[in-house]
Amino acid sequence: MRRILGICLLILALAAPALAETLTIAAGAGYKKPVTELAAAFDAKNGGRTELIFGNMGQVTTQAKTSGAVDIVVGEKNFLGNVGLPVDQAVLLGRGVLVLAWPKGKGLAAPADIAKPEVTRLAMPDPAKAIYGKAAAQYLERSGLAQAVAGKILSVATVPQVTTYLQSGEVDAGFVNRTDVMDAGPSIGGYLEIDPALYNPIEIVAVEAGQAKSPEAAKAFAAFLASPEARAIITRHGL
């Protein structure tokens, strides 16, 4: 009887979730799909439960710093460091790529075509709130196109909002990231990658919040990001 009881206890121990803590990850809205897929794979591997928060990076970082409810923040390294998050041990997911996309039924041969008269509405994320908005503004200045398109720009809060305008055909073109247009697939017309020499490098990282409520789960997720499974997900989403 004792032997049977011991075997039953061992089976229960092996079946118990490896992580009892609930992990909370906050990320920029433009990385919703890869972060969601990473969280699902992490939960499946560790038997845990991950909660996700998405928004523009200003909202995300404010919540991470003040709520005490966020364990991991995913975003651009310099931005996270500038708002006081500890990026010295950040885990690199990949490098972000700025692209110019257009809706179905339209097309651009080169990024400079946004200066042509047929492009009347050009969407981009708000440069003050979104890293790809800042990158788009840098591109426009460095390429000499800023003045030519100044009257065409529709500024919105996040990358996914730009994509929504592209999908509906309400704009002629828009600046987003490669991750979002890859996930959008055939719902848009196409895209061109912007010369990376014309905007500052974008490093997308995962950072443990300073006062993580679930430190063990946070460390386990950071380690998971280096696994072949996680790297395959990250690559598939254009990072």
Protein backbone atom coordinates (compact mmCIF):
# COMPACT_ATOMS: atom_id res chain seq x y z
CA MET A 1 0.00 0.00 0.00
CA ARG A 2 2.81 2.41 0.90
CA ARG A 3 4.53 1.63 -2.37
CA ILE A 4 1.35 2.33 -4.36
CA LEU A 5 0.79 5.55 -2.42
CA GLY A 6 4.36 6.61 -3.12
CA ILE A 7 3.94 5.97 -6.85
CA CYS A 8 0.68 7.94 -6.89
CA LEU A 9 2.34 10.88 -5.13
CA LEU A 10 5.22 10.78 -7.62
CA ILE A 11 2.78 10.82 -10.56
CA LEU A 12 0.93 13.79 -9.07
CA ALA A 13 4.21 15.62 -8.51
CA LEU A 14 5.29 15.05 -12.10
CA ALA A 15 1.89 16.17 -13.39
CA ALA A 16 1.84 19.38 -11.33
CA PRO A 17 2.52 22.63 -13.21
CA ALA A 18 6.18 23.56 -13.28
CA LEU A 19 5.26 27.19 -12.60
CA ALA A 20 2.68 28.15 -10.01
CA GLU A 21 3.10 31.87 -10.65
CA THR A 22 1.02 33.82 -13.16
CA LEU A 23 3.28 35.69 -15.57
CA THR A 24 2.16 39.09 -16.90
CA ILE A 25 3.74 40.43 -20.08
CA ALA A 26 3.16 43.95 -21.42
CA ALA A 27 4.14 44.77 -25.00
CA GLY A 28 3.72 47.29 -27.77
CA ALA A 29 0.59 46.68 -29.82
CA GLY A 30 2.65 46.14 -32.96
CA TYR A 31 4.02 42.91 -31.52
CA LYS A 32 0.73 41.40 -30.34
CA LYS A 33 0.84 38.31 -32.55
CA PRO A 34 4.43 37.15 -31.88
CA VAL A 35 4.17 37.86 -28.14
CA THR A 36 0.84 36.01 -27.95
CA GLU A 37 2.35 33.01 -29.75
CA LEU A 38 5.44 33.06 -27.54
CA ALA A 39 3.29 33.19 -24.40
CA ALA A 40 1.15 30.27 -25.58
CA ALA A 41 4.23 28.16 -26.31
CA PHE A 42 5.76 29.08 -22.95
CA ASP A 43 2.56 28.12 -21.11
CA ALA A 44 2.32 24.81 -22.97
CA LYS A 45 5.88 23.97 -22.01
CA ASN A 46 5.73 25.04 -18.38
CA GLY A 47 2.12 24.40 -17.43
CA GLY A 48 1.64 28.01 -16.41
CA ARG A 49 -0.74 30.82 -17.31
CA THR A 50 0.39 34.06 -18.87
CA GLU A 51 -1.62 37.28 -18.96
CA LEU A 52 -0.96 39.79 -21.74
CA ILE A 53 -1.29 43.58 -21.96
CA PHE A 54 -0.91 45.51 -25.23
CA GLY A 55 -0.94 49.22 -26.08
CA ASN A 56 1.28 52.05 -27.21
CA MET A 57 4.63 52.03 -25.47
CA GLY A 58 3.87 55.09 -23.38
CA GLN A 59 0.86 53.33 -21.86
CA VAL A 60 2.69 50.03 -21.52
CA THR A 61 5.73 51.40 -19.73
CA THR A 62 3.69 53.61 -17.42
CA GLN A 63 1.62 50.62 -16.36
CA ALA A 64 4.73 48.49 -15.92
CA LYS A 65 6.37 51.06 -13.66
CA THR A 66 3.36 52.04 -11.55
CA SER A 67 1.03 49.06 -11.29
CA GLY A 68 3.35 46.46 -9.79
CA ALA A 69 1.42 43.92 -11.87
CA VAL A 70 3.80 43.53 -14.85
CA ASP A 71 6.67 41.04 -14.91
CA ILE A 72 8.05 41.37 -18.46
CA VAL A 73 7.97 44.30 -20.89
CA VAL A 74 8.60 43.77 -24.61
CA GLY A 75 9.59 46.83 -26.62
CA GLU A 76 12.42 48.85 -28.14
CA LYS A 77 15.55 48.79 -25.99
CA ASN A 78 16.46 52.48 -26.04
CA PHE A 79 12.89 53.55 -25.31
CA LEU A 80 12.63 51.16 -22.37
CA GLY A 81 15.97 52.34 -21.00
CA ASN A 82 15.01 55.99 -21.35
CA VAL A 83 11.91 55.51 -19.20
CA GLY A 84 13.91 53.82 -16.46
CA LEU A 85 13.40 50.11 -17.04
CA PRO A 86 16.44 47.88 -16.35
CA VAL A 87 17.72 47.04 -19.84
CA ASP A 88 21.20 45.94 -18.79
CA GLN A 89 20.05 42.31 -18.79
CA ALA A 90 17.50 42.59 -21.59
CA VAL A 91 16.96 39.60 -23.87
CA LEU A 92 17.13 40.49 -27.56
CA LEU A 93 14.20 39.17 -29.59
CA GLY A 94 15.34 40.67 -32.87
CA ARG A 95 15.77 43.83 -34.90
CA GLY A 96 12.70 45.73 -36.01
CA VAL A 97 12.28 46.61 -39.68
CA LEU A 98 10.40 49.69 -40.88
CA VAL A 99 8.31 49.15 -44.01
CA LEU A 100 6.06 51.20 -46.28
CA ALA A 101 2.86 49.32 -47.09
CA TRP A 102 -0.15 49.99 -49.30
CA PRO A 103 -3.72 48.68 -49.64
CA LYS A 104 -5.07 46.28 -52.23
CA GLY A 105 -5.50 47.85 -55.63
CA LYS A 106 -2.58 50.21 -55.20
CA GLY A 107 1.17 49.86 -55.55
CA LEU A 108 4.44 51.72 -55.08
CA ALA A 109 7.60 51.05 -57.05
CA ALA A 110 9.82 52.81 -54.49
CA PRO A 111 9.35 54.51 -51.10
CA ALA A 112 9.91 57.91 -52.73
CA ASP A 113 6.62 57.42 -54.61
CA ILE A 114 4.78 58.71 -51.53
CA ALA A 115 5.63 62.21 -52.83
CA LYS A 116 3.59 61.63 -56.00
CA PRO A 117 0.18 63.34 -56.33
CA GLU A 118 -1.75 60.06 -56.38
CA VAL A 119 -0.71 59.41 -52.78
CA THR A 120 -2.99 61.76 -50.85
CA ARG A 121 -3.16 60.09 -47.41
CA LEU A 122 -0.11 58.61 -45.70
CA ALA A 123 -0.62 56.96 -42.31
CA MET A 124 2.06 56.57 -39.67
CA PRO A 125 2.21 55.93 -35.92
CA ASP A 126 2.64 58.99 -33.71
CA PRO A 127 6.42 59.68 -33.51
CA ALA A 128 6.02 60.84 -29.90
CA LYS A 129 4.36 57.59 -28.80
CA ALA A 130 5.48 54.77 -31.09
CA ILE A 131 8.98 53.69 -32.07
CA TYR A 132 7.99 53.04 -35.70
CA GLY A 133 6.45 56.48 -35.90
CA LYS A 134 9.78 57.88 -34.75
CA ALA A 135 11.61 55.70 -37.28
CA ALA A 136 9.26 56.86 -40.05
CA ALA A 137 9.88 60.51 -39.14
CA GLN A 138 13.64 59.88 -39.22
CA TYR A 139 13.31 58.29 -42.65
CA LEU A 140 11.29 61.19 -44.03
CA GLU A 141 13.83 63.73 -42.77
CA ARG A 142 16.92 61.82 -43.91
CA SER A 143 15.47 60.98 -47.32
CA GLY A 144 14.43 64.57 -47.94
CA LEU A 145 10.74 63.64 -48.28
CA ALA A 146 9.42 65.28 -45.12
CA GLN A 147 8.34 68.55 -46.69
CA ALA A 148 6.83 66.88 -49.76
CA VAL A 149 4.48 64.67 -47.69
CA ALA A 150 3.78 66.97 -44.73
CA GLY A 151 0.20 67.69 -45.82
CA LYS A 152 -0.60 64.02 -46.46
CA ILE A 153 0.20 62.52 -43.08
CA LEU A 154 -2.43 60.89 -40.87
CA SER A 155 -0.89 60.27 -37.44
CA VAL A 156 -2.39 57.49 -35.27
CA ALA A 157 -1.40 55.95 -31.95
CA THR A 158 -0.13 52.48 -32.90
CA VAL A 159 1.17 50.34 -35.76
CA PRO A 160 -1.96 48.11 -35.85
CA GLN A 161 -4.11 51.20 -36.38
CA VAL A 162 -2.09 52.05 -39.49
CA THR A 163 -2.58 48.48 -40.72
CA THR A 164 -6.33 48.75 -40.14
CA TYR A 165 -6.44 51.87 -42.34
CA LEU A 166 -4.48 50.00 -45.03
CA GLN A 167 -6.83 47.02 -44.87
CA SER A 168 -9.88 49.26 -45.24
CA GLY A 169 -8.31 51.26 -48.09
CA GLU A 170 -8.79 54.55 -46.26
CA VAL A 171 -5.18 55.58 -46.89
CA ASP A 172 -2.91 55.24 -49.91
CA ALA A 173 0.14 54.08 -47.95
CA GLY A 174 1.39 53.73 -44.40
CA PHE A 175 4.51 53.15 -42.33
CA VAL A 176 4.40 50.03 -40.17
CA ASN A 177 6.80 47.29 -39.10
CA ARG A 178 7.59 44.11 -41.00
CA THR A 179 6.07 41.97 -38.26
CA ASP A 180 2.64 43.56 -38.67
CA VAL A 181 2.52 43.37 -42.48
CA MET A 182 3.70 39.75 -42.45
CA ASP A 183 0.89 38.93 -40.05
CA ALA A 184 -1.58 40.92 -42.18
CA GLY A 185 -0.80 38.71 -45.19
CA PRO A 186 -3.06 39.12 -48.23
CA SER A 187 -5.33 41.65 -46.48
CA ILE A 188 -3.04 44.42 -47.79
CA GLY A 189 -1.59 45.05 -51.23
CA GLY A 190 2.12 44.80 -50.47
CA TYR A 191 5.08 46.54 -48.88
CA LEU A 192 8.66 47.73 -49.33
CA GLU A 193 11.36 47.63 -46.67
CA ILE A 194 12.89 51.01 -45.86
CA ASP A 195 16.67 51.39 -46.10
CA PRO A 196 17.85 50.78 -42.49
CA ALA A 197 20.58 53.39 -42.94
CA LEU A 198 17.83 56.04 -42.97
CA TYR A 199 16.51 55.42 -39.44
CA ASN A 200 18.04 54.51 -36.11
CA PRO A 201 18.48 50.78 -35.33
CA ILE A 202 15.50 49.21 -33.57
CA GLU A 203 16.28 46.45 -31.06
CA ILE A 204 13.21 44.65 -29.75
CA VAL A 205 13.92 43.19 -26.32
CA ALA A 206 12.23 41.59 -23.34
CA VAL A 207 12.99 43.25 -20.00
CA GLU A 208 12.13 42.08 -16.52
CA ALA A 209 10.24 44.81 -14.67
CA GLY A 210 12.10 46.16 -11.66
CA GLN A 211 9.67 44.77 -9.09
CA ALA A 212 8.35 41.66 -10.84
CA LYS A 213 5.51 40.02 -8.91
CA SER A 214 6.40 36.61 -10.37
CA PRO A 215 10.21 36.63 -10.51
CA GLU A 216 10.66 32.90 -11.11
CA ALA A 217 8.22 32.91 -14.00
CA ALA A 218 9.90 36.01 -15.42
CA LYS A 219 13.31 34.34 -15.33
CA ALA A 220 11.88 31.18 -16.89
CA PHE A 221 10.34 33.19 -19.74
CA ALA A 222 13.61 35.05 -20.35
CA ALA A 223 15.38 31.68 -20.60
CA PHE A 224 12.65 30.31 -22.88
CA LEU A 225 13.28 33.11 -25.39
CA ALA A 226 16.67 31.56 -26.18
CA SER A 227 15.16 28.16 -27.03
CA PRO A 228 14.92 26.91 -30.64
CA GLU A 229 11.11 26.89 -30.35
CA ALA A 230 10.99 30.55 -29.34
CA ARG A 231 13.55 31.60 -31.94
CA ALA A 232 11.49 29.90 -34.67
CA ILE A 233 8.39 31.86 -33.60
CA ILE A 234 10.34 35.14 -33.51
CA THR A 235 11.83 34.56 -36.98
CA ARG A 236 8.47 33.60 -38.43
CA HIS A 237 7.12 36.98 -37.37
CA GLY A 238 9.80 38.98 -39.16
CA LEU A 239 12.28 39.76 -36.37
